[in-house]
């Protein structure tokens, strides 16, 4: 399903379903420290009902499942949900195909609603009232994000420049450490109880970093098959020149907890 947002990639269409196989294989990369930031705040743990919006391949519910929460998850892409179900075999996670703005569960259904790596894609004027309605009194909206730091990591910088060579409209470049951006429309119904930004060293091999970059919006979700093939050949050659077989990429993580008033 093509998504077009004039504020993202200069309006260039992208479709996460096109990259679902690579997404499932190469984007489950959050280190344990990232998940610790969540559970150490007593969120997404036993006794809680959690909804994950924009779940993709279910990375968040799959990796926090062990802490005992009851998970429901949804994504706009049917291909992403298909991968999520395959990867979640043996786990009691309920998956749905739906845009975040159209998810419909009864009022006060969830203790926590999570949005990982996806919050900036949504129409918040439509989404916010829906999230508020589905959260229990005092419930939390947890917004999460992680990105490489191209100005601090040379391998990340080189890979990012290659994406821009093939896709100059890609707006995912140039990240720096910053808090999660929360639109003004949330201020009336929620209060920010906590936010935190932290650096992370994430391990990769040449193969897994190539896969991670290929599965980004600027490559696998938007380029033609011919362009993807050419980009990947050039990227693999680049990595043999600038990266050892195993290395880390400097990232930052950001967490914002909003509590329903």
Protein backbone atom coordinates (compact mmCIF):
# COMPACT_ATOMS: atom_id res chain seq x y z
CA UNK A 1 0.00 0.00 0.00
CA UNK A 2 1.57 3.26 -1.14
CA UNK A 3 1.72 6.04 1.44
CA UNK A 4 2.08 9.65 0.35
CA UNK A 5 2.82 12.38 2.87
CA UNK A 6 3.94 15.77 1.61
CA UNK A 7 5.99 16.24 4.79
CA UNK A 8 7.98 13.02 4.23
CA UNK A 9 10.42 12.47 1.34
CA UNK A 10 9.01 15.47 -0.53
CA UNK A 11 5.80 13.50 -1.13
CA UNK A 12 7.52 10.50 -2.75
CA UNK A 13 5.31 7.39 -2.36
CA UNK A 14 6.60 4.57 -0.17
CA UNK A 15 5.26 1.14 0.72
CA UNK A 16 6.58 -0.81 3.70
CA UNK A 17 5.00 -3.95 2.28
CA UNK A 18 7.63 -3.98 -0.47
CA UNK A 19 10.42 -4.41 2.05
CA UNK A 20 8.69 -6.65 4.60
CA UNK A 21 10.99 -9.65 4.11
CA UNK A 22 14.13 -7.56 4.68
CA UNK A 23 12.39 -5.64 7.47
CA UNK A 24 11.60 -8.89 9.28
CA UNK A 25 15.17 -10.18 8.91
CA UNK A 26 17.23 -7.06 9.52
CA UNK A 27 15.29 -4.52 11.58
CA UNK A 28 14.87 -6.38 14.84
CA UNK A 29 17.94 -4.56 16.18
CA UNK A 30 16.98 -2.72 19.37
CA UNK A 31 19.46 -3.66 22.14
CA UNK A 32 18.27 -4.82 25.55
CA UNK A 33 19.02 -1.40 27.02
CA UNK A 34 16.29 0.04 24.79
CA UNK A 35 13.69 -2.35 26.20
CA UNK A 36 14.97 -1.85 29.74
CA UNK A 37 14.03 1.83 29.47
CA UNK A 38 10.41 0.69 29.03
CA UNK A 39 10.03 -2.05 31.60
CA UNK A 40 12.02 -0.13 34.23
CA UNK A 41 9.19 2.42 34.17
CA UNK A 42 6.74 -0.41 34.90
CA UNK A 43 5.26 -0.19 31.42
CA UNK A 44 4.27 -3.13 29.19
CA UNK A 45 4.54 -5.58 32.08
CA UNK A 46 2.38 -8.25 33.70
CA UNK A 47 -1.22 -7.29 34.35
CA UNK A 48 -1.29 -4.61 31.64
CA UNK A 49 -3.12 -4.57 28.33
CA UNK A 50 -1.02 -2.93 25.61
CA UNK A 51 -1.81 -1.76 22.07
CA UNK A 52 1.13 -1.27 19.68
CA UNK A 53 0.25 0.97 16.72
CA UNK A 54 2.36 0.98 13.56
CA UNK A 55 3.75 -2.33 14.76
CA UNK A 56 5.49 -3.28 11.51
CA UNK A 57 6.72 -6.85 11.95
CA UNK A 58 5.81 -6.82 15.63
CA UNK A 59 9.31 -6.05 16.88
CA UNK A 60 8.17 -4.32 20.06
CA UNK A 61 5.51 -6.79 21.28
CA UNK A 62 7.67 -9.78 20.38
CA UNK A 63 10.65 -8.53 22.36
CA UNK A 64 8.71 -7.36 25.43
CA UNK A 65 6.29 -10.29 25.44
CA UNK A 66 8.38 -12.05 28.10
CA UNK A 67 7.45 -9.40 30.68
CA UNK A 68 3.86 -10.59 30.81
CA UNK A 69 1.64 -7.89 29.26
CA UNK A 70 -1.29 -8.82 26.99
CA UNK A 71 -0.43 -7.42 23.54
CA UNK A 72 -2.58 -6.25 20.66
CA UNK A 73 -0.86 -4.78 17.60
CA UNK A 74 -1.85 -3.18 14.30
CA UNK A 75 -0.18 -1.90 11.14
CA UNK A 76 -1.38 -0.39 7.88
CA UNK A 77 0.58 -2.95 5.82
CA UNK A 78 -0.84 -6.43 5.36
CA UNK A 79 2.61 -7.72 4.38
CA UNK A 80 4.10 -6.42 7.61
CA UNK A 81 1.39 -8.11 9.66
CA UNK A 82 1.93 -11.38 7.80
CA UNK A 83 5.60 -11.27 8.80
CA UNK A 84 4.66 -10.33 12.37
CA UNK A 85 2.37 -13.33 12.71
CA UNK A 86 5.06 -15.68 11.39
CA UNK A 87 7.67 -14.30 13.77
CA UNK A 88 5.25 -14.41 16.72
CA UNK A 89 4.33 -18.08 16.53
CA UNK A 90 3.79 -19.43 20.02
CA UNK A 91 3.02 -15.96 21.42
CA UNK A 92 -0.47 -14.78 22.30
CA UNK A 93 -0.37 -11.51 20.34
CA UNK A 94 -3.45 -10.31 18.45
CA UNK A 95 -2.57 -8.64 15.13
CA UNK A 96 -4.77 -6.43 12.93
CA UNK A 97 -4.32 -4.69 9.59
CA UNK A 98 -5.47 -1.09 10.07
CA UNK A 99 -4.19 2.48 9.87
CA UNK A 100 -3.49 3.84 13.33
CA UNK A 101 -6.13 6.55 12.91
CA UNK A 102 -8.83 3.94 12.20
CA UNK A 103 -8.11 1.41 14.93
CA UNK A 104 -11.31 0.83 16.88
CA UNK A 105 -11.42 -0.90 20.23
CA UNK A 106 -13.86 -0.15 23.06
CA UNK A 107 -13.31 2.84 25.33
CA UNK A 108 -10.75 2.42 28.15
CA UNK A 109 -9.41 -0.86 26.73
CA UNK A 110 -5.66 -0.38 27.28
CA UNK A 111 -3.26 0.49 30.07
CA UNK A 112 -0.54 1.43 27.59
CA UNK A 113 -0.44 2.35 23.90
CA UNK A 114 2.96 2.20 22.22
CA UNK A 115 4.24 3.73 18.99
CA UNK A 116 7.77 2.73 18.03
CA UNK A 117 9.56 4.29 15.05
CA UNK A 118 6.27 5.42 13.52
CA UNK A 119 4.75 8.35 15.43
CA UNK A 120 5.67 11.02 12.87
CA UNK A 121 3.75 9.22 10.10
CA UNK A 122 0.33 9.74 11.65
CA UNK A 123 -2.44 12.33 11.30
CA UNK A 124 -2.42 13.40 14.93
CA UNK A 125 -5.56 15.52 14.83
CA UNK A 126 -7.44 12.29 14.03
CA UNK A 127 -5.27 9.95 16.07
CA UNK A 128 -5.05 11.73 19.42
CA UNK A 129 -8.78 11.57 20.33
CA UNK A 130 -8.82 7.87 19.40
CA UNK A 131 -5.84 7.07 21.60
CA UNK A 132 -7.30 9.09 24.45
CA UNK A 133 -10.60 7.23 24.14
CA UNK A 134 -9.01 3.76 24.17
CA UNK A 135 -6.68 4.41 27.12
CA UNK A 136 -7.77 3.70 30.66
CA UNK A 137 -7.76 6.58 33.18
CA UNK A 138 -4.13 7.38 33.96
CA UNK A 139 -2.98 5.21 31.08
CA UNK A 140 0.23 5.90 29.19
CA UNK A 141 1.04 6.66 25.57
CA UNK A 142 4.65 5.57 25.04
CA UNK A 143 6.45 6.97 21.99
CA UNK A 144 9.78 5.38 21.05
CA UNK A 145 12.43 6.06 18.45
CA UNK A 146 15.95 4.94 17.53
CA UNK A 147 18.24 6.18 14.76
CA UNK A 148 21.87 6.04 13.71
CA UNK A 149 23.95 9.20 14.13
CA UNK A 150 25.62 10.07 10.79
CA UNK A 151 27.56 13.06 12.12
CA UNK A 152 29.18 10.89 14.80
CA UNK A 153 29.59 7.56 12.99
CA UNK A 154 31.58 7.38 9.74
CA UNK A 155 30.06 4.13 8.46
CA UNK A 156 26.55 5.44 9.03
CA UNK A 157 27.48 8.69 7.30
CA UNK A 158 28.81 6.90 4.22
CA UNK A 159 25.79 4.60 3.95
CA UNK A 160 23.42 7.54 4.36
CA UNK A 161 25.16 9.49 1.59
CA UNK A 162 24.71 6.52 -0.73
CA UNK A 163 20.97 6.40 -0.01
CA UNK A 164 20.76 10.10 -0.86
CA UNK A 165 22.63 9.49 -4.12
CA UNK A 166 19.84 7.16 -5.26
CA UNK A 167 16.99 8.95 -3.49
CA UNK A 168 17.65 12.67 -3.02
CA UNK A 169 14.09 13.18 -1.73
CA UNK A 170 14.63 10.90 1.27
CA UNK A 171 14.09 13.00 4.40
CA UNK A 172 15.39 10.42 6.86
CA UNK A 173 18.97 11.67 6.75
CA UNK A 174 20.87 13.92 9.14
CA UNK A 175 19.57 12.71 12.50
CA UNK A 176 20.97 14.17 15.72
CA UNK A 177 20.11 13.40 19.33
CA UNK A 178 16.80 15.08 20.15
CA UNK A 179 13.64 14.44 22.15
CA UNK A 180 10.64 12.79 20.52
CA UNK A 181 8.52 15.51 18.90
CA UNK A 182 5.03 15.59 20.43
CA UNK A 183 2.43 17.60 18.45
CA UNK A 184 0.62 20.39 20.28
CA UNK A 185 -2.76 18.67 19.98
CA UNK A 186 -1.73 16.21 22.72
CA UNK A 187 -1.20 18.90 25.36
CA UNK A 188 -4.86 19.27 26.32
CA UNK A 189 -5.47 15.58 26.97
CA UNK A 190 -2.04 14.31 28.02
CA UNK A 191 0.90 15.41 30.11
CA UNK A 192 4.49 14.42 29.42
CA UNK A 193 5.49 12.39 32.46
CA UNK A 194 8.97 11.46 31.26
CA UNK A 195 11.31 11.80 28.32
CA UNK A 196 14.81 10.52 27.87
CA UNK A 197 17.43 10.43 25.12
CA UNK A 198 20.43 8.13 25.22
CA UNK A 199 23.24 6.85 22.97
CA UNK A 200 23.49 3.19 22.00
CA UNK A 201 26.15 1.14 20.22
CA UNK A 202 24.33 -1.38 18.02
CA UNK A 203 26.31 -4.38 16.66
CA UNK A 204 26.21 -5.30 12.96
CA UNK A 205 27.98 -7.36 10.36
CA UNK A 206 28.43 -6.10 6.82
CA UNK A 207 25.48 -8.28 5.79
CA UNK A 208 23.16 -7.12 8.55
CA UNK A 209 24.02 -3.43 8.14
CA UNK A 210 23.46 -3.69 4.41
CA UNK A 211 20.12 -5.34 5.14
CA UNK A 212 19.20 -2.69 7.69
CA UNK A 213 19.91 0.10 5.21
CA UNK A 214 18.16 -1.72 2.36
CA UNK A 215 15.05 -2.02 4.55
CA UNK A 216 14.89 1.70 5.22
CA UNK A 217 12.22 3.92 3.69
CA UNK A 218 14.68 5.58 1.34
CA UNK A 219 15.69 2.32 -0.37
CA UNK A 220 13.51 -0.79 -0.17
CA UNK A 221 10.21 0.96 0.47
CA UNK A 222 10.48 3.49 -2.36
CA UNK A 223 13.08 2.73 -5.06
CA UNK A 224 12.44 0.60 -8.15
CA UNK A 225 13.77 -2.97 -8.22
CA UNK A 226 16.51 -1.89 -10.66
CA UNK A 227 17.55 0.98 -8.39
CA UNK A 228 17.54 -1.25 -5.31
CA UNK A 229 19.78 -3.78 -7.06
CA UNK A 230 22.22 -1.07 -8.14
CA UNK A 231 22.21 0.56 -4.69
CA UNK A 232 22.85 -2.75 -2.95
CA UNK A 233 25.76 -3.67 -5.20
CA UNK A 234 27.37 -0.30 -4.58
CA UNK A 235 26.67 -0.42 -0.85
CA UNK A 236 28.17 -3.87 -0.41
CA UNK A 237 31.30 -2.74 -2.25
CA UNK A 238 31.47 0.37 -0.08
CA UNK A 239 31.27 -1.66 3.12
CA UNK A 240 34.19 -3.88 2.10
CA UNK A 241 36.23 -0.68 1.77
CA UNK A 242 35.22 1.14 4.97
CA UNK A 243 34.00 -1.45 7.47
CA UNK A 244 35.42 -4.57 9.13
CA UNK A 245 33.31 -7.73 9.02
CA UNK A 246 31.87 -6.91 12.46
CA UNK A 247 31.37 -3.41 13.89
CA UNK A 248 29.00 -1.22 15.86
CA UNK A 249 26.97 1.75 14.65
CA UNK A 250 26.36 4.61 17.05
CA UNK A 251 22.63 5.26 17.49
CA UNK A 252 20.50 7.21 19.87
CA UNK A 253 17.26 6.15 21.48
CA UNK A 254 14.46 8.44 22.57
CA UNK A 255 11.50 7.71 24.83
CA UNK A 256 8.51 9.90 25.71
CA UNK A 257 5.81 8.82 28.15
CA UNK A 258 2.54 10.75 27.97
CA UNK A 259 -0.06 10.12 30.67
CA UNK A 260 -3.78 10.54 30.07
CA UNK A 261 -5.19 13.39 32.15
